[in-house]
Amino acid sequence: MRIGVDVMGGDLAPGPILSGALAAASTFNPDDQMVLFGQRDVIEDALAEASPASGMIEIVATEDDISMEESPVEAVRNKANSSLVQIAQMAGPKADPRLDMAISAGNTGAFVAAAQMYMRRLPGVIRPGIAAVVPTFAGPVTFIDVGANIDPKPHHLHQYGIMGTIYSRRVLGIEKPRVGLLNVGGEEQKGTEDMKKARDLLREDSFVDFVGYVEGRAVFDGACDVVISDGVTGNVTIKLAEGLSKGIFKRLQRELQEQDASFVKQFAPIVEKLYAEYDYHEYGGAPLLGVNGGCLICHGSSKERTIVNAVAAARRFVDLGVNDMITRTVSAQEVGV
């Protein structure tokens, strides 16, 4: 398996990204290969210290970097020699040899644009979507979309239900994922006309176990296993949940410290266990479902262990044949456009 990592992408890059990639490579099989994209001298200095197995690491030297603030489409067009664009090209169907998965913690919009430009779409897929796994009190929930498509049409949301079902079933092991459409309320009359059209398409699809509209608060109570939304709402929701969970754990630690310092040591293992269950670093990254290739988007503040987990997630995605299943299922559907 060939897995590529964008060493220059991310708020903390290149250090933690590079060390995470090399740590992950240490677990590879002899015929696997890690391809590192970025500044050659930075990568070679790290390799000199890590001493990975000969032939396991390949370097693709790049000169340009795409910052988080840059316009995604313009950056992809104007910075063809950036690590983010180069990794997307090598994960596309025209590349030889081709990457099985491209991983980046860089500019999400630019990575999505580059992936769609060079990987294109899987047969039958209308619009790719980012699928992020969010830990809840009732178990992991897949959110799709969380940033790729800010103004989806009803048939886009319908396909998100199909792709989210496949991802939840294959990767998370949920035999019959319940799918909900995120809305302002659960009542049938609520929502825009496009929401109602998407609801009807999902309800008529026997492949999707559609449970109807769900409210934001119901998601964390176990109302469904897959949440469908537009990219803006999905992105805001998961970041709100991320910020809330961090705040709760910090407040808990502070309260314990103020009550009795000994409480901190006593409850530390419990707090750490719970925090790990609700920590996005544990999931590694979110795949862009629907592109004809492997594209894993990591959090901008990814650390070493984030990348280690991202590489593990990438291997599962490829080994479980998620893209093949999406292609077969979508091809068998008649999704209205």
Protein backbone atom coordinates (compact mmCIF):
# COMPACT_ATOMS: atom_id res chain seq x y z
CA MET A 1 0.00 0.00 0.00
CA ARG A 2 1.25 3.51 -0.87
CA ILE A 3 0.19 6.25 1.53
CA GLY A 4 1.12 9.89 1.01
CA VAL A 5 1.38 12.55 3.71
CA ASP A 6 1.48 16.30 3.12
CA VAL A 7 4.29 17.25 5.51
CA MET A 8 3.76 21.00 5.09
CA GLY A 9 0.00 21.06 5.80
CA GLY A 10 -1.35 22.02 9.22
CA ASP A 11 -1.03 24.67 11.92
CA LEU A 12 1.83 22.80 13.61
CA ALA A 13 3.60 21.57 10.45
CA PRO A 14 6.07 20.27 9.60
CA GLY A 15 7.42 18.80 12.88
CA PRO A 16 4.50 16.81 14.34
CA ILE A 17 3.18 15.86 10.90
CA LEU A 18 6.51 14.44 9.83
CA SER A 19 7.18 12.62 13.11
CA GLY A 20 3.68 11.13 13.00
CA ALA A 21 4.18 9.90 9.44
CA LEU A 22 7.50 8.28 10.31
CA ALA A 23 6.05 6.69 13.45
CA ALA A 24 3.25 5.21 11.36
CA ALA A 25 5.72 3.99 8.73
CA SER A 26 7.55 1.99 11.41
CA THR A 27 4.50 -0.32 11.55
CA PHE A 28 4.34 -0.88 7.77
CA ASN A 29 4.68 -4.21 6.03
CA PRO A 30 7.82 -4.68 3.90
CA ASP A 31 5.95 -3.99 0.66
CA ASP A 32 4.24 -0.82 1.94
CA GLN A 33 5.53 2.64 1.14
CA MET A 34 5.19 6.07 2.74
CA VAL A 35 5.47 9.02 0.33
CA LEU A 36 6.30 12.34 2.00
CA PHE A 37 5.50 15.62 0.23
CA GLY A 38 7.29 18.81 1.25
CA GLN A 39 10.64 20.55 1.57
CA ARG A 40 13.39 18.05 0.86
CA ASP A 41 15.88 19.30 3.46
CA VAL A 42 13.27 19.19 6.25
CA ILE A 43 12.28 15.64 5.37
CA GLU A 44 15.85 14.39 4.90
CA ASP A 45 16.92 15.81 8.28
CA ALA A 46 14.08 13.90 9.95
CA LEU A 47 14.92 10.71 8.06
CA ALA A 48 18.53 10.92 9.18
CA GLU A 49 17.38 10.78 12.80
CA ALA A 50 14.61 8.21 12.34
CA SER A 51 16.57 5.74 10.16
CA PRO A 52 13.52 4.07 8.55
CA ALA A 53 13.85 0.91 6.49
CA SER A 54 15.50 1.46 3.14
CA GLY A 55 13.04 1.81 0.29
CA MET A 56 10.06 2.31 2.58
CA ILE A 57 10.16 6.13 2.35
CA GLU A 58 9.90 8.16 -0.85
CA ILE A 59 10.27 11.94 -0.99
CA VAL A 60 8.41 14.20 -3.40
CA ALA A 61 10.12 17.57 -3.05
CA THR A 62 7.89 20.64 -3.35
CA GLU A 63 8.59 24.35 -3.17
CA ASP A 64 5.27 26.10 -2.60
CA ASP A 65 3.06 26.08 0.49
CA ILE A 66 -0.67 26.83 0.69
CA SER A 67 -1.63 28.66 3.87
CA MET A 68 -4.94 28.32 5.70
CA GLU A 69 -5.92 31.86 4.70
CA GLU A 70 -5.57 31.47 0.93
CA SER A 71 -8.49 31.17 -1.46
CA PRO A 72 -8.80 27.40 -2.13
CA VAL A 73 -9.41 27.41 -5.89
CA GLU A 74 -6.89 30.16 -6.63
CA ALA A 75 -4.25 28.47 -4.49
CA VAL A 76 -4.68 25.15 -6.30
CA ARG A 77 -4.46 26.86 -9.69
CA ASN A 78 -1.49 29.08 -8.86
CA LYS A 79 0.58 26.75 -6.69
CA ALA A 80 0.88 23.57 -8.71
CA ASN A 81 4.19 22.77 -7.00
CA SER A 82 2.74 22.84 -3.50
CA SER A 83 2.72 19.70 -1.37
CA LEU A 84 -1.08 19.76 -1.19
CA VAL A 85 -1.59 19.88 -4.97
CA GLN A 86 1.17 17.36 -5.69
CA ILE A 87 -0.25 14.80 -3.27
CA ALA A 88 -3.72 15.14 -4.82
CA GLN A 89 -2.27 14.60 -8.29
CA MET A 90 -0.46 11.44 -7.23
CA ALA A 91 -3.66 10.03 -5.72
CA GLY A 92 -5.53 10.58 -8.98
CA PRO A 93 -6.28 7.86 -11.56
CA LYS A 94 -3.69 9.22 -14.01
CA ALA A 95 -0.78 8.84 -11.59
CA ASP A 96 1.65 5.95 -12.05
CA PRO A 97 2.45 4.69 -9.49
CA ARG A 98 -0.65 5.90 -7.73
CA LEU A 99 -1.15 6.64 -4.03
CA ASP A 100 -3.80 4.57 -2.29
CA MET A 101 -4.46 7.45 0.10
CA ALA A 102 -3.47 11.12 0.36
CA ILE A 103 -3.43 12.65 3.86
CA SER A 104 -3.25 16.36 4.65
CA ALA A 105 -3.96 18.65 7.60
CA GLY A 106 -3.64 21.70 5.38
CA ASN A 107 -6.20 24.09 3.92
CA THR A 108 -9.37 21.98 3.77
CA GLY A 109 -10.98 23.95 0.96
CA ALA A 110 -7.85 23.71 -1.17
CA PHE A 111 -7.49 19.98 -0.49
CA VAL A 112 -11.12 19.38 -1.48
CA ALA A 113 -10.66 21.46 -4.63
CA ALA A 114 -7.43 19.66 -5.57
CA ALA A 115 -8.98 16.25 -4.91
CA GLN A 116 -11.98 16.98 -7.10
CA MET A 117 -9.75 18.43 -9.81
CA TYR A 118 -7.23 15.58 -10.01
CA MET A 119 -9.02 12.55 -8.56
CA ARG A 120 -12.38 13.45 -10.11
CA ARG A 121 -15.54 11.67 -8.92
CA LEU A 122 -16.43 8.03 -8.57
CA PRO A 123 -18.83 6.83 -11.30
CA GLY A 124 -22.35 7.95 -10.47
CA VAL A 125 -21.37 10.31 -7.64
CA ILE A 126 -22.74 13.82 -8.11
CA ARG A 127 -20.99 15.74 -5.35
CA PRO A 128 -18.38 14.43 -2.88
CA GLY A 129 -18.81 15.10 0.83
CA ILE A 130 -16.56 15.05 3.89
CA ALA A 131 -17.55 12.37 6.41
CA ALA A 132 -16.40 13.09 9.97
CA VAL A 133 -16.91 10.66 12.84
CA VAL A 134 -18.13 12.40 15.99
CA PRO A 135 -18.10 10.60 19.35
CA THR A 136 -21.41 10.91 21.22
CA PHE A 137 -22.80 9.53 24.49
CA ALA A 138 -24.52 6.81 22.45
CA GLY A 139 -21.55 5.89 20.25
CA PRO A 140 -19.82 7.22 17.11
CA VAL A 141 -21.93 9.17 14.61
CA THR A 142 -20.92 9.94 11.03
CA PHE A 143 -21.59 13.53 9.90
CA ILE A 144 -21.72 14.16 6.14
CA ASP A 145 -21.09 16.80 4.88
CA VAL A 146 -18.85 18.91 7.13
CA GLY A 147 -17.34 21.36 4.69
CA ALA A 148 -17.12 20.29 1.04
CA ASN A 149 -20.58 21.35 -0.18
CA ILE A 150 -22.08 24.47 1.41
CA ASP A 151 -25.18 24.62 -0.80
CA PRO A 152 -26.28 21.05 -1.51
CA LYS A 153 -29.26 20.13 -3.65
CA PRO A 154 -31.75 17.45 -2.53
CA HIS A 155 -30.10 14.76 -4.65
CA HIS A 156 -26.70 15.60 -3.11
CA LEU A 157 -28.13 15.04 0.36
CA HIS A 158 -29.69 11.80 -0.83
CA GLN A 159 -26.32 10.50 -1.99
CA TYR A 160 -24.76 11.57 1.28
CA GLY A 161 -27.24 9.24 2.93
CA ILE A 162 -26.05 6.40 0.70
CA MET A 163 -22.33 7.11 1.14
CA GLY A 164 -22.70 7.75 4.88
CA THR A 165 -24.51 4.44 5.27
CA ILE A 166 -21.70 2.59 3.49
CA TYR A 167 -18.99 4.30 5.53
CA SER A 168 -20.76 3.68 8.84
CA ARG A 169 -21.38 0.06 7.94
CA ARG A 170 -17.92 -0.75 6.59
CA VAL A 171 -15.63 1.32 8.81
CA LEU A 172 -17.58 1.63 12.06
CA GLY A 173 -19.14 -1.82 11.87
CA ILE A 174 -22.73 -0.66 12.37
CA GLU A 175 -24.81 -3.30 10.62
CA LYS A 176 -27.84 -1.14 9.87
CA PRO A 177 -26.98 2.53 10.32
CA ARG A 178 -29.92 4.80 11.05
CA VAL A 179 -29.79 7.94 8.91
CA GLY A 180 -31.18 11.31 9.98
CA LEU A 181 -31.47 14.63 8.15
CA LEU A 182 -30.36 17.52 10.37
CA ASN A 183 -33.14 20.09 10.64
CA VAL A 184 -34.55 22.78 12.94
CA GLY A 185 -37.11 20.33 14.25
CA GLY A 186 -38.44 16.83 13.83
CA GLU A 187 -41.88 17.82 12.57
CA GLU A 188 -42.72 17.06 8.95
CA GLN A 189 -43.71 20.63 8.08
CA LYS A 190 -40.39 22.16 9.16
CA GLY A 191 -37.48 22.96 6.88
CA THR A 192 -36.99 24.40 3.41
CA GLU A 193 -38.50 22.96 0.26
CA ASP A 194 -35.11 21.44 -0.62
CA MET A 195 -35.00 19.77 2.79
CA LYS A 196 -38.43 18.27 2.21
CA LYS A 197 -37.40 17.01 -1.25
CA ALA A 198 -34.27 15.44 0.23
CA ARG A 199 -36.39 13.86 2.96
CA ASP A 200 -38.67 12.28 0.38
CA LEU A 201 -35.75 10.95 -1.69
CA LEU A 202 -34.19 9.39 1.39
CA ARG A 203 -37.49 7.93 2.56
CA GLU A 204 -38.07 6.25 -0.81
CA ASP A 205 -34.60 4.66 -0.91
CA SER A 206 -34.68 1.13 0.51
CA PHE A 207 -30.88 1.08 0.87
CA VAL A 208 -31.02 3.85 3.48
CA ASP A 209 -32.59 3.26 6.90
CA PHE A 210 -33.99 6.77 7.09
CA VAL A 211 -35.42 7.82 10.47
CA GLY A 212 -36.51 11.33 9.42
CA TYR A 213 -35.49 14.77 10.60
CA VAL A 214 -33.25 15.07 13.67
CA GLU A 215 -32.46 18.08 15.83
CA GLY A 216 -28.93 18.89 16.94
CA ARG A 217 -29.52 17.92 20.56
CA ALA A 218 -31.01 14.55 19.56
CA VAL A 219 -27.81 13.59 17.70
CA PHE A 220 -25.91 13.24 20.97
CA ASP A 221 -28.68 11.16 22.51
CA GLY A 222 -28.41 8.41 19.90
CA ALA A 223 -31.20 9.40 17.51
CA CYS A 224 -29.23 8.14 14.51
CA ASP A 225 -25.88 6.78 13.34
CA VAL A 226 -25.45 8.99 10.25
CA VAL A 227 -26.30 12.71 10.13
CA ILE A 228 -26.82 14.41 6.78
CA SER A 229 -26.35 18.16 6.51
CA ASP A 230 -24.99 20.92 4.32
CA GLY A 231 -21.29 21.65 4.70
CA VAL A 232 -21.72 24.83 6.75
CA THR A 233 -24.14 23.40 9.32
CA GLY A 234 -22.18 20.17 9.64
CA ASN A 235 -18.88 21.99 10.10
CA VAL A 236 -20.28 24.38 12.69
CA THR A 237 -21.93 21.51 14.59
CA ILE A 238 -18.83 19.34 14.95
CA LYS A 239 -16.62 22.29 15.89
CA LEU A 240 -19.16 23.42 18.47
CA ALA A 241 -19.19 19.90 19.93
CA GLU A 242 -15.38 19.84 19.92
CA GLY A 243 -15.15 23.16 21.76
CA LEU A 244 -17.83 22.18 24.26
CA SER A 245 -16.15 18.87 25.14
CA LYS A 246 -12.78 20.58 25.64
CA GLY A 247 -14.39 23.21 27.85
CA ILE A 248 -16.18 20.66 30.01
CA PHE A 249 -13.01 18.66 30.67
CA LYS A 250 -10.99 21.78 31.49
CA ARG A 251 -13.70 22.98 33.86
CA LEU A 252 -13.86 19.56 35.53
CA GLN A 253 -10.11 19.54 36.13
CA ARG A 254 -10.21 23.07 37.54
CA GLU A 255 -13.09 22.24 39.89
CA LEU A 256 -11.29 19.15 41.18
CA GLN A 257 -8.12 21.16 41.73
CA GLU A 258 -9.99 23.85 43.66
CA GLN A 259 -11.79 21.34 45.86
CA ASP A 260 -8.78 19.22 46.77
CA ALA A 261 -5.53 18.73 44.89
CA SER A 262 -5.59 15.04 45.74
CA PHE A 263 -8.81 14.71 43.70
CA VAL A 264 -6.87 15.45 40.54
CA LYS A 265 -4.59 12.42 40.95
CA GLN A 266 -7.49 10.26 42.09
CA PHE A 267 -9.72 11.03 39.14
CA ALA A 268 -7.02 11.60 36.50
CA PRO A 269 -7.29 8.09 34.95
CA ILE A 270 -11.07 8.45 34.60
CA VAL A 271 -10.82 11.93 33.08
CA GLU A 272 -8.11 10.81 30.66
CA LYS A 273 -10.15 7.78 29.58
CA LEU A 274 -13.24 9.90 28.92
CA TYR A 275 -11.25 12.60 27.14
CA ALA A 276 -9.69 9.99 24.83
CA GLU A 277 -13.17 8.78 23.86
CA TYR A 278 -14.20 12.31 22.83
CA ASP A 279 -10.90 13.47 21.35
CA TYR A 280 -10.83 14.07 17.57
CA HIS A 281 -7.12 13.17 17.48
CA GLU A 282 -8.13 9.54 18.08
CA TYR A 283 -10.01 9.36 14.76
CA GLY A 284 -7.14 10.70 12.66
CA GLY A 285 -9.09 12.33 9.86
CA ALA A 286 -12.23 12.54 7.75
CA PRO A 287 -12.43 11.01 4.27
CA LEU A 288 -13.76 12.93 1.29
CA LEU A 289 -16.32 10.37 0.15
CA GLY A 290 -17.16 10.20 -3.53
CA VAL A 291 -13.81 11.09 -5.10
CA ASN A 292 -12.07 8.56 -7.34
CA GLY A 293 -9.16 8.07 -5.00
CA GLY A 294 -8.21 8.19 -1.35
CA CYS A 295 -8.42 11.58 0.35
CA LEU A 296 -8.20 11.91 4.14
CA ILE A 297 -8.59 15.38 5.66
CA CYS A 298 -7.03 15.92 9.07
CA HIS A 299 -7.70 18.63 11.65
CA GLY A 300 -5.61 21.79 11.19
CA SER A 301 -4.11 21.37 14.67
CA SER A 302 -3.08 17.77 14.07
CA LYS A 303 -0.36 16.35 16.33
CA GLU A 304 1.94 13.37 15.90
CA ARG A 305 -0.64 10.88 17.18
CA THR A 306 -3.30 12.42 14.92
CA ILE A 307 -1.23 11.49 11.88
CA VAL A 308 -0.45 8.03 13.27
CA ASN A 309 -4.18 7.43 13.68
CA ALA A 310 -4.88 8.98 10.27
CA VAL A 311 -2.54 6.50 8.57
CA ALA A 312 -4.27 3.63 10.39
CA ALA A 313 -7.66 5.00 9.29
CA ALA A 314 -6.41 5.28 5.72
CA ARG A 315 -5.35 1.64 5.70
CA ARG A 316 -8.78 0.53 6.99
CA PHE A 317 -10.55 2.64 4.37
CA VAL A 318 -8.59 1.02 1.54
CA ASP A 319 -8.63 -2.52 2.96
CA LEU A 320 -12.40 -2.41 3.49
CA GLY A 321 -13.06 -1.36 -0.10
CA VAL A 322 -15.23 1.66 0.73
CA ASN A 323 -14.88 3.27 -2.71
CA ASP A 324 -15.75 0.06 -4.52
CA MET A 325 -18.88 -0.33 -2.41
CA ILE A 326 -19.92 3.27 -3.08
CA THR A 327 -19.48 2.79 -6.82
CA ARG A 328 -21.49 -0.45 -6.90
CA THR A 329 -24.29 0.96 -4.76
CA VAL A 330 -24.60 4.32 -6.50
CA SER A 331 -24.54 2.65 -9.91
CA ALA A 332 -27.51 0.54 -8.85
CA GLN A 333 -29.46 3.60 -7.69
CA GLU A 334 -31.49 5.97 -9.79
CA VAL A 335 -30.67 9.27 -8.14
CA GLY A 336 -32.62 12.12 -9.63
CA VAL A 337 -30.70 15.19 -10.73
